[in-house]
Amino acid sequence: MDLPKFFSIMNDETPTIFKGFFDMAGAIQKDGGLDEKTFQLIYIAIKASQGTDGLGSVVAHTAMAKKAGATREEIRGAVLVSLMTDGLTGVSSCLEAALDAYDNA
């Protein structure tokens, strides 16, 4: 999977910050107390609650969640949780992208 362009720019311009960001993200995944599938589902729910997948986060993390054993229904449920916290914004901007990503992963 190719990283979004902003990550390439960040790596080119500030490689130490880029490395630090991904080291931190890896540490959270490794030592955060969650199995990989749960981590990815929570990440998808949080990004959906933010209401946009303009950077492809939901799509990318849906593929990771599927690889970790998440079902299509669990992906759908993770996006739908945002209805309770933020209304239709996350569902309208992320549900189709997440389900398409799951079907194509």
N, C-alpha and C. Protein backbone atom coordinates (compact mmCIF):
# COMPACT_ATOMS: atom_id res chain seq x y z
N MET A 1 0.84 -1.18 0.00
CA MET A 1 0.00 0.00 0.00
C MET A 1 0.88 1.24 0.00
N ASP A 2 0.59 2.15 -0.90
CA ASP A 2 1.32 3.41 -0.96
C ASP A 2 0.81 4.35 0.12
N LEU A 3 1.74 5.09 0.71
CA LEU A 3 1.36 6.10 1.70
C LEU A 3 0.81 7.32 0.98
N PRO A 4 -0.12 8.04 1.64
CA PRO A 4 -0.60 9.29 1.06
C PRO A 4 0.56 10.26 0.82
N LYS A 5 0.38 11.14 -0.14
CA LYS A 5 1.44 12.07 -0.54
C LYS A 5 1.97 12.89 0.62
N PHE A 6 1.10 13.31 1.54
CA PHE A 6 1.59 14.15 2.64
C PHE A 6 2.61 13.41 3.49
N PHE A 7 2.49 12.06 3.59
CA PHE A 7 3.50 11.30 4.33
C PHE A 7 4.83 11.33 3.59
N SER A 8 4.79 11.23 2.27
CA SER A 8 6.03 11.31 1.49
C SER A 8 6.71 12.66 1.68
N ILE A 9 5.91 13.72 1.65
CA ILE A 9 6.46 15.06 1.86
C ILE A 9 7.03 15.18 3.26
N MET A 10 6.29 14.70 4.25
CA MET A 10 6.77 14.77 5.63
C MET A 10 8.08 13.99 5.77
N ASN A 11 8.17 12.83 5.14
CA ASN A 11 9.40 12.04 5.21
C ASN A 11 10.57 12.77 4.53
N ASP A 12 10.30 13.37 3.38
CA ASP A 12 11.35 14.10 2.67
C ASP A 12 11.80 15.35 3.43
N GLU A 13 10.86 16.07 3.98
CA GLU A 13 11.15 17.35 4.62
C GLU A 13 11.61 17.21 6.07
N THR A 14 11.03 16.26 6.79
CA THR A 14 11.33 16.11 8.22
C THR A 14 11.41 14.63 8.57
N PRO A 15 12.44 13.94 8.12
CA PRO A 15 12.52 12.50 8.32
C PRO A 15 12.52 12.07 9.79
N THR A 16 13.07 12.88 10.66
CA THR A 16 13.08 12.52 12.08
C THR A 16 11.66 12.55 12.65
N ILE A 17 10.89 13.56 12.28
CA ILE A 17 9.50 13.64 12.74
C ILE A 17 8.68 12.51 12.14
N PHE A 18 8.87 12.23 10.85
CA PHE A 18 8.19 11.12 10.19
C PHE A 18 8.46 9.82 10.94
N LYS A 19 9.72 9.54 11.20
CA LYS A 19 10.08 8.31 11.92
C LYS A 19 9.47 8.30 13.31
N GLY A 20 9.54 9.43 14.01
CA GLY A 20 8.98 9.51 15.35
C GLY A 20 7.49 9.25 15.37
N PHE A 21 6.78 9.78 14.37
CA PHE A 21 5.33 9.56 14.27
C PHE A 21 5.03 8.08 14.12
N PHE A 22 5.72 7.42 13.19
CA PHE A 22 5.45 6.01 12.96
C PHE A 22 5.97 5.12 14.08
N ASP A 23 7.04 5.53 14.75
CA ASP A 23 7.49 4.80 15.94
C ASP A 23 6.43 4.86 17.04
N MET A 24 5.85 6.07 17.24
CA MET A 24 4.80 6.22 18.25
C MET A 24 3.58 5.39 17.87
N ALA A 25 3.16 5.47 16.62
CA ALA A 25 1.99 4.70 16.18
C ALA A 25 2.22 3.21 16.39
N GLY A 26 3.41 2.74 16.06
CA GLY A 26 3.73 1.33 16.25
C GLY A 26 3.73 0.93 17.71
N ALA A 27 4.23 1.80 18.57
CA ALA A 27 4.25 1.52 20.00
C ALA A 27 2.83 1.45 20.56
N ILE A 28 1.95 2.33 20.11
CA ILE A 28 0.56 2.29 20.56
C ILE A 28 -0.08 0.98 20.13
N GLN A 29 0.15 0.57 18.89
CA GLN A 29 -0.41 -0.69 18.41
C GLN A 29 0.16 -1.87 19.18
N LYS A 30 1.46 -1.85 19.45
CA LYS A 30 2.11 -2.99 20.09
C LYS A 30 1.82 -3.06 21.59
N ASP A 31 1.88 -1.93 22.26
CA ASP A 31 1.82 -1.91 23.72
C ASP A 31 0.56 -1.27 24.28
N GLY A 32 -0.41 -0.98 23.43
CA GLY A 32 -1.62 -0.30 23.88
C GLY A 32 -2.66 -1.20 24.53
N GLY A 33 -2.42 -2.50 24.55
CA GLY A 33 -3.33 -3.41 25.23
C GLY A 33 -4.47 -3.93 24.37
N LEU A 34 -4.49 -3.58 23.10
CA LEU A 34 -5.56 -4.03 22.21
C LEU A 34 -5.00 -4.99 21.17
N ASP A 35 -5.79 -6.00 20.83
CA ASP A 35 -5.38 -6.85 19.72
C ASP A 35 -5.53 -6.04 18.43
N GLU A 36 -4.91 -6.50 17.36
CA GLU A 36 -4.86 -5.75 16.11
C GLU A 36 -6.25 -5.46 15.55
N LYS A 37 -7.14 -6.43 15.55
CA LYS A 37 -8.48 -6.21 15.00
C LYS A 37 -9.23 -5.14 15.78
N THR A 38 -9.19 -5.21 17.10
CA THR A 38 -9.88 -4.21 17.92
C THR A 38 -9.28 -2.83 17.71
N PHE A 39 -7.96 -2.75 17.66
CA PHE A 39 -7.29 -1.47 17.41
C PHE A 39 -7.78 -0.85 16.11
N GLN A 40 -7.82 -1.63 15.05
CA GLN A 40 -8.23 -1.12 13.74
C GLN A 40 -9.70 -0.70 13.74
N LEU A 41 -10.56 -1.46 14.38
CA LEU A 41 -11.98 -1.10 14.43
C LEU A 41 -12.19 0.20 15.21
N ILE A 42 -11.47 0.38 16.30
CA ILE A 42 -11.57 1.62 17.06
C ILE A 42 -11.05 2.79 16.22
N TYR A 43 -9.95 2.58 15.52
CA TYR A 43 -9.39 3.63 14.67
C TYR A 43 -10.41 4.05 13.60
N ILE A 44 -11.05 3.07 12.97
CA ILE A 44 -12.06 3.36 11.95
C ILE A 44 -13.21 4.16 12.56
N ALA A 45 -13.67 3.76 13.73
CA ALA A 45 -14.77 4.47 14.39
C ALA A 45 -14.38 5.92 14.71
N ILE A 46 -13.18 6.12 15.19
CA ILE A 46 -12.73 7.48 15.51
C ILE A 46 -12.65 8.32 14.24
N LYS A 47 -12.05 7.78 13.19
CA LYS A 47 -11.94 8.55 11.94
C LYS A 47 -13.32 8.83 11.36
N ALA A 48 -14.24 7.89 11.44
CA ALA A 48 -15.60 8.15 10.96
C ALA A 48 -16.26 9.25 11.78
N SER A 49 -16.02 9.27 13.09
CA SER A 49 -16.62 10.31 13.92
C SER A 49 -16.08 11.69 13.56
N GLN A 50 -14.89 11.73 12.98
CA GLN A 50 -14.33 13.00 12.52
C GLN A 50 -14.98 13.46 11.22
N GLY A 51 -15.67 12.56 10.57
CA GLY A 51 -16.53 12.95 9.46
C GLY A 51 -15.93 13.07 8.09
N THR A 52 -14.73 12.58 7.89
CA THR A 52 -14.18 12.66 6.54
C THR A 52 -13.17 11.55 6.33
N ASP A 53 -13.09 11.09 5.12
CA ASP A 53 -12.03 10.16 4.77
C ASP A 53 -11.21 10.73 3.62
N GLY A 54 -11.06 12.03 3.64
CA GLY A 54 -10.33 12.71 2.58
C GLY A 54 -8.89 12.26 2.44
N LEU A 55 -8.29 11.75 3.51
CA LEU A 55 -6.90 11.29 3.43
C LEU A 55 -6.81 9.78 3.26
N GLY A 56 -7.94 9.10 3.19
CA GLY A 56 -7.94 7.66 2.97
C GLY A 56 -7.71 6.82 4.21
N SER A 57 -7.81 7.41 5.39
CA SER A 57 -7.55 6.66 6.62
C SER A 57 -8.52 5.50 6.82
N VAL A 58 -9.79 5.75 6.61
CA VAL A 58 -10.78 4.69 6.79
C VAL A 58 -10.53 3.56 5.80
N VAL A 59 -10.24 3.92 4.57
CA VAL A 59 -9.97 2.92 3.54
C VAL A 59 -8.75 2.08 3.92
N ALA A 60 -7.66 2.73 4.26
CA ALA A 60 -6.43 2.02 4.60
C ALA A 60 -6.60 1.13 5.82
N HIS A 61 -7.25 1.67 6.85
CA HIS A 61 -7.39 0.90 8.08
C HIS A 61 -8.46 -0.18 7.97
N THR A 62 -9.40 -0.03 7.03
CA THR A 62 -10.34 -1.11 6.77
C THR A 62 -9.61 -2.33 6.22
N ALA A 63 -8.69 -2.10 5.30
CA ALA A 63 -7.90 -3.22 4.76
C ALA A 63 -7.09 -3.89 5.87
N MET A 64 -6.52 -3.09 6.77
CA MET A 64 -5.76 -3.65 7.89
C MET A 64 -6.66 -4.44 8.82
N ALA A 65 -7.87 -3.92 9.06
CA ALA A 65 -8.82 -4.61 9.94
C ALA A 65 -9.24 -5.94 9.33
N LYS A 66 -9.51 -5.94 8.04
CA LYS A 66 -9.90 -7.19 7.37
C LYS A 66 -8.77 -8.20 7.48
N LYS A 67 -7.54 -7.77 7.26
CA LYS A 67 -6.39 -8.65 7.37
C LYS A 67 -6.27 -9.21 8.78
N ALA A 68 -6.69 -8.43 9.77
CA ALA A 68 -6.64 -8.85 11.17
C ALA A 68 -7.83 -9.70 11.57
N GLY A 69 -8.75 -9.96 10.62
CA GLY A 69 -9.88 -10.86 10.90
C GLY A 69 -11.22 -10.19 11.07
N ALA A 70 -11.32 -8.89 10.87
CA ALA A 70 -12.61 -8.20 11.01
C ALA A 70 -13.55 -8.60 9.88
N THR A 71 -14.80 -8.72 10.23
CA THR A 71 -15.83 -9.03 9.23
C THR A 71 -16.36 -7.73 8.63
N ARG A 72 -17.06 -7.88 7.53
CA ARG A 72 -17.70 -6.72 6.89
C ARG A 72 -18.69 -6.07 7.86
N GLU A 73 -19.39 -6.89 8.62
CA GLU A 73 -20.36 -6.37 9.58
C GLU A 73 -19.68 -5.58 10.68
N GLU A 74 -18.50 -6.01 11.11
CA GLU A 74 -17.76 -5.27 12.14
C GLU A 74 -17.26 -3.93 11.60
N ILE A 75 -16.83 -3.90 10.34
CA ILE A 75 -16.43 -2.64 9.72
C ILE A 75 -17.63 -1.70 9.67
N ARG A 76 -18.74 -2.21 9.20
CA ARG A 76 -19.97 -1.41 9.12
C ARG A 76 -20.33 -0.88 10.51
N GLY A 77 -20.28 -1.73 11.49
CA GLY A 77 -20.61 -1.33 12.86
C GLY A 77 -19.68 -0.26 13.40
N ALA A 78 -18.39 -0.36 13.08
CA ALA A 78 -17.43 0.65 13.55
C ALA A 78 -17.79 2.02 12.99
N VAL A 79 -18.17 2.08 11.72
CA VAL A 79 -18.58 3.37 11.13
C VAL A 79 -19.90 3.83 11.74
N LEU A 80 -20.82 2.93 11.92
CA LEU A 80 -22.15 3.31 12.43
C LEU A 80 -22.12 3.82 13.87
N VAL A 81 -21.10 3.46 14.63
CA VAL A 81 -20.97 3.99 15.99
C VAL A 81 -20.94 5.51 15.96
N SER A 82 -20.41 6.08 14.88
CA SER A 82 -20.32 7.54 14.80
C SER A 82 -21.69 8.21 14.76
N LEU A 83 -22.74 7.47 14.42
CA LEU A 83 -24.10 8.03 14.50
C LEU A 83 -24.42 8.49 15.91
N MET A 84 -23.95 7.73 16.89
CA MET A 84 -24.26 8.03 18.29
C MET A 84 -23.45 9.23 18.79
N THR A 85 -22.30 9.49 18.20
CA THR A 85 -21.44 10.55 18.70
C THR A 85 -21.48 11.81 17.86
N ASP A 86 -21.71 11.66 16.55
CA ASP A 86 -21.59 12.81 15.66
C ASP A 86 -22.67 12.90 14.60
N GLY A 87 -23.71 12.11 14.70
CA GLY A 87 -24.78 12.17 13.71
C GLY A 87 -24.38 11.54 12.38
N LEU A 88 -24.97 12.04 11.33
CA LEU A 88 -24.81 11.44 10.00
C LEU A 88 -23.50 11.75 9.30
N THR A 89 -22.73 12.69 9.80
CA THR A 89 -21.53 13.13 9.09
C THR A 89 -20.60 11.97 8.78
N GLY A 90 -20.23 11.19 9.77
CA GLY A 90 -19.30 10.09 9.56
C GLY A 90 -19.86 9.00 8.68
N VAL A 91 -21.13 8.69 8.87
CA VAL A 91 -21.76 7.65 8.05
C VAL A 91 -21.83 8.10 6.60
N SER A 92 -22.23 9.34 6.39
CA SER A 92 -22.37 9.81 5.01
C SER A 92 -21.03 9.92 4.29
N SER A 93 -19.96 10.20 5.02
CA SER A 93 -18.67 10.37 4.37
C SER A 93 -17.80 9.13 4.39
N CYS A 94 -18.11 8.15 5.24
CA CYS A 94 -17.19 7.02 5.40
C CYS A 94 -17.78 5.64 5.16
N LEU A 95 -19.09 5.47 5.28
CA LEU A 95 -19.64 4.11 5.19
C LEU A 95 -19.38 3.48 3.83
N GLU A 96 -19.70 4.18 2.78
CA GLU A 96 -19.48 3.62 1.44
C GLU A 96 -18.00 3.33 1.21
N ALA A 97 -17.13 4.24 1.60
CA ALA A 97 -15.69 4.04 1.41
C ALA A 97 -15.19 2.83 2.18
N ALA A 98 -15.67 2.66 3.42
CA ALA A 98 -15.23 1.53 4.23
C ALA A 98 -15.71 0.21 3.65
N LEU A 99 -16.96 0.14 3.26
CA LEU A 99 -17.48 -1.12 2.71
C LEU A 99 -16.86 -1.44 1.36
N ASP A 100 -16.65 -0.45 0.53
CA ASP A 100 -15.96 -0.69 -0.74
C ASP A 100 -14.53 -1.18 -0.48
N ALA A 101 -13.86 -0.56 0.48
CA ALA A 101 -12.50 -0.97 0.81
C ALA A 101 -12.47 -2.41 1.30
N TYR A 102 -13.46 -2.77 2.12
CA TYR A 102 -13.52 -4.15 2.62
C TYR A 102 -13.71 -5.12 1.46
N ASP A 103 -14.66 -4.80 0.61
CA ASP A 103 -14.97 -5.70 -0.53
C ASP A 103 -13.80 -5.83 -1.49
N ASN A 104 -12.95 -4.82 -1.56
CA ASN A 104 -11.84 -4.83 -2.50
C ASN A 104 -10.49 -5.17 -1.88
N ALA A 105 -10.47 -5.40 -0.56
CA ALA A 105 -9.20 -5.72 0.11
C ALA A 105 -8.81 -7.17 -0.10
